[in-house]
C-alpha atoms as a PDB file:
ATOM      1  CA  UNK A   1     -14.156 101.204-166.847  1.00  0.00           C
ATOM      2  CA  UNK A   2     -16.131  97.960-166.645  1.00  0.00           C
ATOM      3  CA  UNK A   3     -14.238  96.763-163.548  1.00  0.00           C
ATOM      4  CA  UNK A   4     -14.895 100.099-161.840  1.00  0.00           C
ATOM      5  CA  UNK A   5     -18.644  99.721-162.437  1.00  0.00           C
ATOM      6  CA  UNK A   6     -18.547  96.074-161.281  1.00  0.00           C
ATOM      7  CA  UNK A   7     -16.614  97.056-158.151  1.00  0.00           C
ATOM      8  CA  UNK A   8     -19.103  99.838-157.434  1.00  0.00           C
ATOM      9  CA  UNK A   9     -22.029  97.433-157.862  1.00  0.00           C
ATOM     10  CA  UNK A  10     -20.348  94.861-155.610  1.00  0.00           C
ATOM     11  CA  UNK A  11     -19.823  97.435-152.846  1.00  0.00           C
ATOM     12  CA  UNK A  12     -23.424  98.596-153.269  1.00  0.00           C
ATOM     13  CA  UNK A  13     -24.710  95.002-153.023  1.00  0.00           C
ATOM     14  CA  UNK A  14     -22.625  94.330-149.913  1.00  0.00           C
ATOM     15  CA  UNK A  15     -24.037  97.387-148.178  1.00  0.00           C
ATOM     16  CA  UNK A  16     -27.559  96.056-148.732  1.00  0.00           C
ATOM     17  CA  UNK A  17     -26.729  92.727-147.085  1.00  0.00           C
ATOM     18  CA  UNK A  18     -26.963  92.296-143.359  1.00  0.00           C
ATOM     19  CA  UNK A  19     -23.699  91.490-141.583  1.00  0.00           C
ATOM     20  CA  UNK A  20     -23.565  87.802-140.496  1.00  0.00           C
ATOM     21  CA  UNK A  21     -23.120  88.776-136.829  1.00  0.00           C
ATOM     22  CA  UNK A  22     -26.169  91.002-136.982  1.00  0.00           C
ATOM     23  CA  UNK A  23     -28.193  88.299-138.710  1.00  0.00           C
ATOM     24  CA  UNK A  24     -27.196  85.747-136.065  1.00  0.00           C
ATOM     25  CA  UNK A  25     -28.149  88.209-133.338  1.00  0.00           C
ATOM     26  CA  UNK A  26     -31.611  88.752-134.835  1.00  0.00           C
ATOM     27  CA  UNK A  27     -32.207  85.006-135.068  1.00  0.00           C
ATOM     28  CA  UNK A  28     -31.209  84.661-131.413  1.00  0.00           C
ATOM     29  CA  UNK A  29     -33.433  87.555-130.382  1.00  0.00           C
ATOM     30  CA  UNK A  30     -36.361  85.917-132.166  1.00  0.00           C
ATOM     31  CA  UNK A  31     -35.920  82.745-130.146  1.00  0.00           C
ATOM     32  CA  UNK A  32     -35.620  84.722-126.906  1.00  0.00           C
ATOM     33  CA  UNK A  33     -38.866  86.541-127.729  1.00  0.00           C
ATOM     34  CA  UNK A  34     -40.639  83.225-128.282  1.00  0.00           C
ATOM     35  CA  UNK A  35     -39.319  81.853-124.972  1.00  0.00           C
ATOM     36  CA  UNK A  36     -40.536  84.852-122.963  1.00  0.00           C
ATOM     37  CA  UNK A  37     -43.868  84.864-124.822  1.00  0.00           C
ATOM     38  CA  UNK A  38     -44.320  81.218-123.816  1.00  0.00           C
ATOM     39  CA  UNK A  39     -43.499  81.891-120.154  1.00  0.00           C
ATOM     40  CA  UNK A  40     -45.743  84.936-119.868  1.00  0.00           C
ATOM     41  CA  UNK A  41     -48.561  83.069-121.632  1.00  0.00           C
ATOM     42  CA  UNK A  42     -48.163  80.192-119.187  1.00  0.00           C
ATOM     43  CA  UNK A  43     -48.281  82.702-116.329  1.00  0.00           C
ATOM     44  CA  UNK A  44     -51.638  84.010-117.588  1.00  0.00           C
ATOM     45  CA  UNK A  45     -53.076  80.498-117.908  1.00  0.00           C
ATOM     46  CA  UNK A  46     -51.748  79.233-114.566  1.00  0.00           C
ATOM     47  CA  UNK A  47     -52.964  82.200-112.554  1.00  0.00           C
ATOM     48  CA  UNK A  48     -56.553  81.066-113.151  1.00  0.00           C
ATOM     49  CA  UNK A  49     -55.940  77.949-111.049  1.00  0.00           C
ATOM     50  CA  UNK A  50     -57.100  77.727-107.436  1.00  0.00           C
ATOM     51  CA  UNK A  51     -54.540  78.559-104.781  1.00  0.00           C
ATOM     52  CA  UNK A  52     -52.676  81.079-106.919  1.00  0.00           C
ATOM     53  CA  UNK A  53     -50.803  83.598-104.803  1.00  0.00           C
ATOM     54  CA  UNK A  54     -49.652  87.007-105.968  1.00  0.00           C
ATOM     55  CA  UNK A  55     -46.860  89.332-104.920  1.00  0.00           C
ATOM     56  CA  UNK A  56     -46.396  93.021-104.312  1.00  0.00           C
ATOM     57  CA  UNK A  57     -44.304  94.908-106.892  1.00  0.00           C
ATOM     58  CA  UNK A  58     -41.260  96.295-105.042  1.00  0.00           C
ATOM     59  CA  UNK A  59     -40.444  99.971-105.429  1.00  0.00           C
ATOM     60  CA  UNK A  60     -36.909  99.017-106.531  1.00  0.00           C
ATOM     61  CA  UNK A  61     -38.426  97.595-109.747  1.00  0.00           C
ATOM     62  CA  UNK A  62     -39.312 101.184-110.654  1.00  0.00           C
ATOM     63  CA  UNK A  63     -35.764 102.353-109.908  1.00  0.00           C
ATOM     64  CA  UNK A  64     -34.228  99.524-111.933  1.00  0.00           C
ATOM     65  CA  UNK A  65     -36.524 100.433-114.836  1.00  0.00           C
ATOM     66  CA  UNK A  66     -35.228 104.019-114.796  1.00  0.00           C
ATOM     67  CA  UNK A  67     -31.649 102.734-114.613  1.00  0.00           C
ATOM     68  CA  UNK A  68     -32.051 100.419-117.597  1.00  0.00           C
ATOM     69  CA  UNK A  69     -33.695 103.184-119.642  1.00  0.00           C
ATOM     70  CA  UNK A  70     -30.794 105.503-118.819  1.00  0.00           C
ATOM     71  CA  UNK A  71     -28.355 102.765-119.849  1.00  0.00           C
ATOM     72  CA  UNK A  72     -30.093 102.461-123.193  1.00  0.00           C
ATOM     73  CA  UNK A  73     -29.627 106.188-123.799  1.00  0.00           C
ATOM     74  CA  UNK A  74     -25.962 106.073-122.779  1.00  0.00           C
ATOM     75  CA  UNK A  75     -25.391 103.044-125.013  1.00  0.00           C
ATOM     76  CA  UNK A  76     -26.860 104.824-128.023  1.00  0.00           C
ATOM     77  CA  UNK A  77     -24.728 107.879-127.320  1.00  0.00           C
ATOM     78  CA  UNK A  78     -21.667 105.597-127.044  1.00  0.00           C
ATOM     79  CA  UNK A  79     -22.381 104.125-130.485  1.00  0.00           C
ATOM     80  CA  UNK A  80     -22.688 107.603-131.949  1.00  0.00           C
ATOM     81  CA  UNK A  81     -19.435 108.715-130.278  1.00  0.00           C
ATOM     82  CA  UNK A  82     -17.611 105.649-131.623  1.00  0.00           C
ATOM     83  CA  UNK A  83     -18.859 106.263-135.158  1.00  0.00           C
ATOM     84  CA  UNK A  84     -17.760 109.897-134.870  1.00  0.00           C
ATOM     85  CA  UNK A  85     -14.387 108.610-133.580  1.00  0.00           C
ATOM     86  CA  UNK A  86     -14.710 110.593-130.376  1.00  0.00           C
ATOM     87  CA  UNK A  87     -12.863 107.947-128.383  1.00  0.00           C
ATOM     88  CA  UNK A  88     -12.686 109.816-125.057  1.00  0.00           C
ATOM     89  CA  UNK A  89     -16.434 110.365-125.109  1.00  0.00           C
ATOM     90  CA  UNK A  90     -17.012 106.778-126.225  1.00  0.00           C
ATOM     91  CA  UNK A  91     -14.911 105.468-123.310  1.00  0.00           C
ATOM     92  CA  UNK A  92     -16.869 107.532-120.794  1.00  0.00           C
ATOM     93  CA  UNK A  93     -20.220 106.476-122.216  1.00  0.00           C
ATOM     94  CA  UNK A  94     -19.406 102.756-122.495  1.00  0.00           C
ATOM     95  CA  UNK A  95     -18.120 102.900-118.898  1.00  0.00           C
ATOM     96  CA  UNK A  96     -21.340 104.591-117.781  1.00  0.00           C
ATOM     97  CA  UNK A  97     -23.438 101.999-119.629  1.00  0.00           C
ATOM     98  CA  UNK A  98     -21.545  99.105-118.022  1.00  0.00           C
ATOM     99  CA  UNK A  99     -21.934 100.679-114.562  1.00  0.00           C
ATOM    100  CA  UNK A 100     -25.657 101.210-115.132  1.00  0.00           C
ATOM    101  CA  UNK A 101     -25.944  97.572-116.204  1.00  0.00           C
ATOM    102  CA  UNK A 102     -24.301  96.430-112.970  1.00  0.00           C
ATOM    103  CA  UNK A 103     -26.554  98.795-111.008  1.00  0.00           C
ATOM    104  CA  UNK A 104     -29.615  97.321-112.748  1.00  0.00           C
ATOM    105  CA  UNK A 105     -28.590  93.794-111.731  1.00  0.00           C
ATOM    106  CA  UNK A 106     -27.953  94.972-108.153  1.00  0.00           C
ATOM    107  CA  UNK A 107     -31.387  96.605-107.944  1.00  0.00           C
ATOM    108  CA  UNK A 108     -32.982  93.461-109.335  1.00  0.00           C
ATOM    109  CA  UNK A 109     -31.261  91.331-106.688  1.00  0.00           C
ATOM    110  CA  UNK A 110     -32.520  93.699-103.974  1.00  0.00           C
ATOM    111  CA  UNK A 111     -36.030  93.534-105.443  1.00  0.00           C
ATOM    112  CA  UNK A 112     -36.121  89.767-105.467  1.00  0.00           C
ATOM    113  CA  UNK A 113     -34.663  89.591-101.990  1.00  0.00           C
ATOM    114  CA  UNK A 114     -37.513  91.822-100.839  1.00  0.00           C
ATOM    115  CA  UNK A 115     -40.084  89.645-102.622  1.00  0.00           C
ATOM    116  CA  UNK A 116     -38.536  86.504-101.124  1.00  0.00           C
ATOM    117  CA  UNK A 117     -38.764  87.899 -97.580  1.00  0.00           C
ATOM    118  CA  UNK A 118     -42.473  88.624 -98.054  1.00  0.00           C
ATOM    119  CA  UNK A 119     -42.984  84.867 -98.382  1.00  0.00           C
ATOM    120  CA  UNK A 120     -43.170  84.557-102.162  1.00  0.00           C
ATOM    121  CA  UNK A 121     -40.826  81.652-102.844  1.00  0.00           C
ATOM    122  CA  UNK A 122     -40.333  78.911-105.410  1.00  0.00           C
ATOM    123  CA  UNK A 123     -42.062  76.353-103.189  1.00  0.00           C
ATOM    124  CA  UNK A 124     -45.458  77.980-102.984  1.00  0.00           C
ATOM    125  CA  UNK A 125     -48.148  77.760-105.597  1.00  0.00           C
ATOM    126  CA  UNK A 126     -48.497  80.786-107.705  1.00  0.00           C
ATOM    127  CA  UNK A 127     -46.658  83.764-108.985  1.00  0.00           C
ATOM    128  CA  UNK A 128     -43.364  83.114-107.213  1.00  0.00           C
ATOM    129  CA  UNK A 129     -42.448  80.148-109.364  1.00  0.00           C
ATOM    130  CA  UNK A 130     -43.018  82.021-112.600  1.00  0.00           C
ATOM    131  CA  UNK A 131     -41.646  85.293-111.300  1.00  0.00           C
ATOM    132  CA  UNK A 132     -38.273  83.833-110.359  1.00  0.00           C
ATOM    133  CA  UNK A 133     -37.962  81.822-113.566  1.00  0.00           C
ATOM    134  CA  UNK A 134     -38.974  84.669-115.893  1.00  0.00           C
ATOM    135  CA  UNK A 135     -36.968  87.348-114.110  1.00  0.00           C
ATOM    136  CA  UNK A 136     -34.047  84.972-113.570  1.00  0.00           C
ATOM    137  CA  UNK A 137     -33.850  84.250-117.290  1.00  0.00           C
ATOM    138  CA  UNK A 138     -33.991  87.966-117.997  1.00  0.00           C
ATOM    139  CA  UNK A 139     -31.213  88.548-115.467  1.00  0.00           C
ATOM    140  CA  UNK A 140     -29.054  85.953-117.244  1.00  0.00           C
ATOM    141  CA  UNK A 141     -29.585  87.785-120.523  1.00  0.00           C
ATOM    142  CA  UNK A 142     -28.733  91.114-118.885  1.00  0.00           C
ATOM    143  CA  UNK A 143     -25.622  89.525-117.381  1.00  0.00           C
ATOM    144  CA  UNK A 144     -24.621  88.437-120.896  1.00  0.00           C
ATOM    145  CA  UNK A 145     -25.119  92.031-122.024  1.00  0.00           C
ATOM    146  CA  UNK A 146     -23.022  93.350-119.133  1.00  0.00           C
ATOM    147  CA  UNK A 147     -20.245  90.913-120.072  1.00  0.00           C
ATOM    148  CA  UNK A 148     -20.382  92.230-123.660  1.00  0.00           C
ATOM    149  CA  UNK A 149     -20.237  95.781-122.298  1.00  0.00           C
ATOM    150  CA  UNK A 150     -17.230  94.907-120.160  1.00  0.00           C
ATOM    151  CA  UNK A 151     -15.470  93.453-123.207  1.00  0.00           C
ATOM    152  CA  UNK A 152     -16.166  96.707-125.076  1.00  0.00           C
ATOM    153  CA  UNK A 153     -14.980  98.642-122.022  1.00  0.00           C
ATOM    154  CA  UNK A 154     -11.641  96.811-121.895  1.00  0.00           C
ATOM    155  CA  UNK A 155     -11.198  97.122-125.656  1.00  0.00           C
ATOM    156  CA  UNK A 156     -11.926 100.853-125.450  1.00  0.00           C
ATOM    157  CA  UNK A 157      -9.077 101.320-123.000  1.00  0.00           C
ATOM    158  CA  UNK A 158      -6.702  98.955-124.800  1.00  0.00           C
ATOM    159  CA  UNK A 159      -3.621 100.613-126.230  1.00  0.00           C
ATOM    160  CA  UNK A 160      -3.813  98.290-129.238  1.00  0.00           C
ATOM    161  CA  UNK A 161      -7.253  99.499-130.357  1.00  0.00           C
ATOM    162  CA  UNK A 162      -6.811 100.834-133.856  1.00  0.00           C
ATOM    163  CA  UNK A 163      -9.855  99.366-135.582  1.00  0.00           C
ATOM    164  CA  UNK A 164     -12.887 101.524-136.104  1.00  0.00           C
ATOM    165  CA  UNK A 165     -15.133  98.641-137.113  1.00  0.00           C
ATOM    166  CA  UNK A 166     -18.486  99.554-135.582  1.00  0.00           C
ATOM    167  CA  UNK A 167     -20.151  96.138-136.080  1.00  0.00           C
ATOM    168  CA  UNK A 168     -19.255  94.737-132.608  1.00  0.00           C
ATOM    169  CA  UNK A 169     -20.534  97.892-130.944  1.00  0.00           C
ATOM    170  CA  UNK A 170     -23.692  97.915-133.054  1.00  0.00           C
ATOM    171  CA  UNK A 171     -24.359  94.248-132.207  1.00  0.00           C
ATOM    172  CA  UNK A 172     -23.818  94.885-128.489  1.00  0.00           C
ATOM    173  CA  UNK A 173     -26.006  97.976-128.690  1.00  0.00           C
ATOM    174  CA  UNK A 174     -28.847  96.125-130.407  1.00  0.00           C
ATOM    175  CA  UNK A 175     -28.659  93.366-127.809  1.00  0.00           C
ATOM    176  CA  UNK A 176     -28.573  95.880-124.946  1.00  0.00           C
ATOM    177  CA  UNK A 177     -31.595  97.766-126.301  1.00  0.00           C
ATOM    178  CA  UNK A 178     -33.348  94.411-126.651  1.00  0.00           C
ATOM    179  CA  UNK A 179     -32.819  93.393-123.000  1.00  0.00           C
ATOM    180  CA  UNK A 180     -33.929  96.907-122.015  1.00  0.00           C
ATOM    181  CA  UNK A 181     -37.132  96.575-124.035  1.00  0.00           C
ATOM    182  CA  UNK A 182     -37.631  93.052-122.706  1.00  0.00           C
ATOM    183  CA  UNK A 183     -37.460  94.316-119.120  1.00  0.00           C
ATOM    184  CA  UNK A 184     -39.993  97.069-119.912  1.00  0.00           C
ATOM    185  CA  UNK A 185     -42.312  94.395-121.348  1.00  0.00           C
ATOM    186  CA  UNK A 186     -41.874  92.170-118.286  1.00  0.00           C
ATOM    187  CA  UNK A 187     -42.329  95.061-115.869  1.00  0.00           C
ATOM    188  CA  UNK A 188     -45.538  96.197-117.570  1.00  0.00           C
ATOM    189  CA  UNK A 189     -46.678  92.571-117.730  1.00  0.00           C
ATOM    190  CA  UNK A 190     -46.185  92.074-113.975  1.00  0.00           C
ATOM    191  CA  UNK A 191     -47.893  95.407-113.214  1.00  0.00           C
ATOM    192  CA  UNK A 192     -50.841  94.606-115.473  1.00  0.00           C
ATOM    193  CA  UNK A 193     -51.290  90.951-114.570  1.00  0.00           C
ATOM    194  CA  UNK A 194     -50.763  91.565-110.873  1.00  0.00           C
END
């Protein structure tokens, strides 16, 4: 009887602890937040200098924002489907999320191409330098998320998939929601500061 109670307490204590992968993710997300806070703060300070040039927000930024919001919804639905062991639905939703991630990156590339052709480049003084660095770093983080989604996609269609451990999907989902929220922050920042 004592070992049963001890085993029950041990399981209860383990459920209260955060999984090491999730903890590592949160530490990483904290450092990413600090990096983007530093860059956007520097943007605010630097724009007060003489010779600062601005840029026009491309319409494709709005489209990419809708795409990344839709991908966040599909990702959350994919997590729910996986936990409910609805593997066909999970496969469709993780595929949709990966495709929306690729579409987001494509729309971002089109947006920055449009900005570049209006004369806002890295060489000039002003917003271009910060814009390309900030958005480029975000794009790298989104690319990392798309790679994670592609790994989940290939695992979902693997014949050897027998594990229903939801931790990898939860970690990928948290990261994906984070880069989504980060883009919303950056988009609002560029709209407001512009």
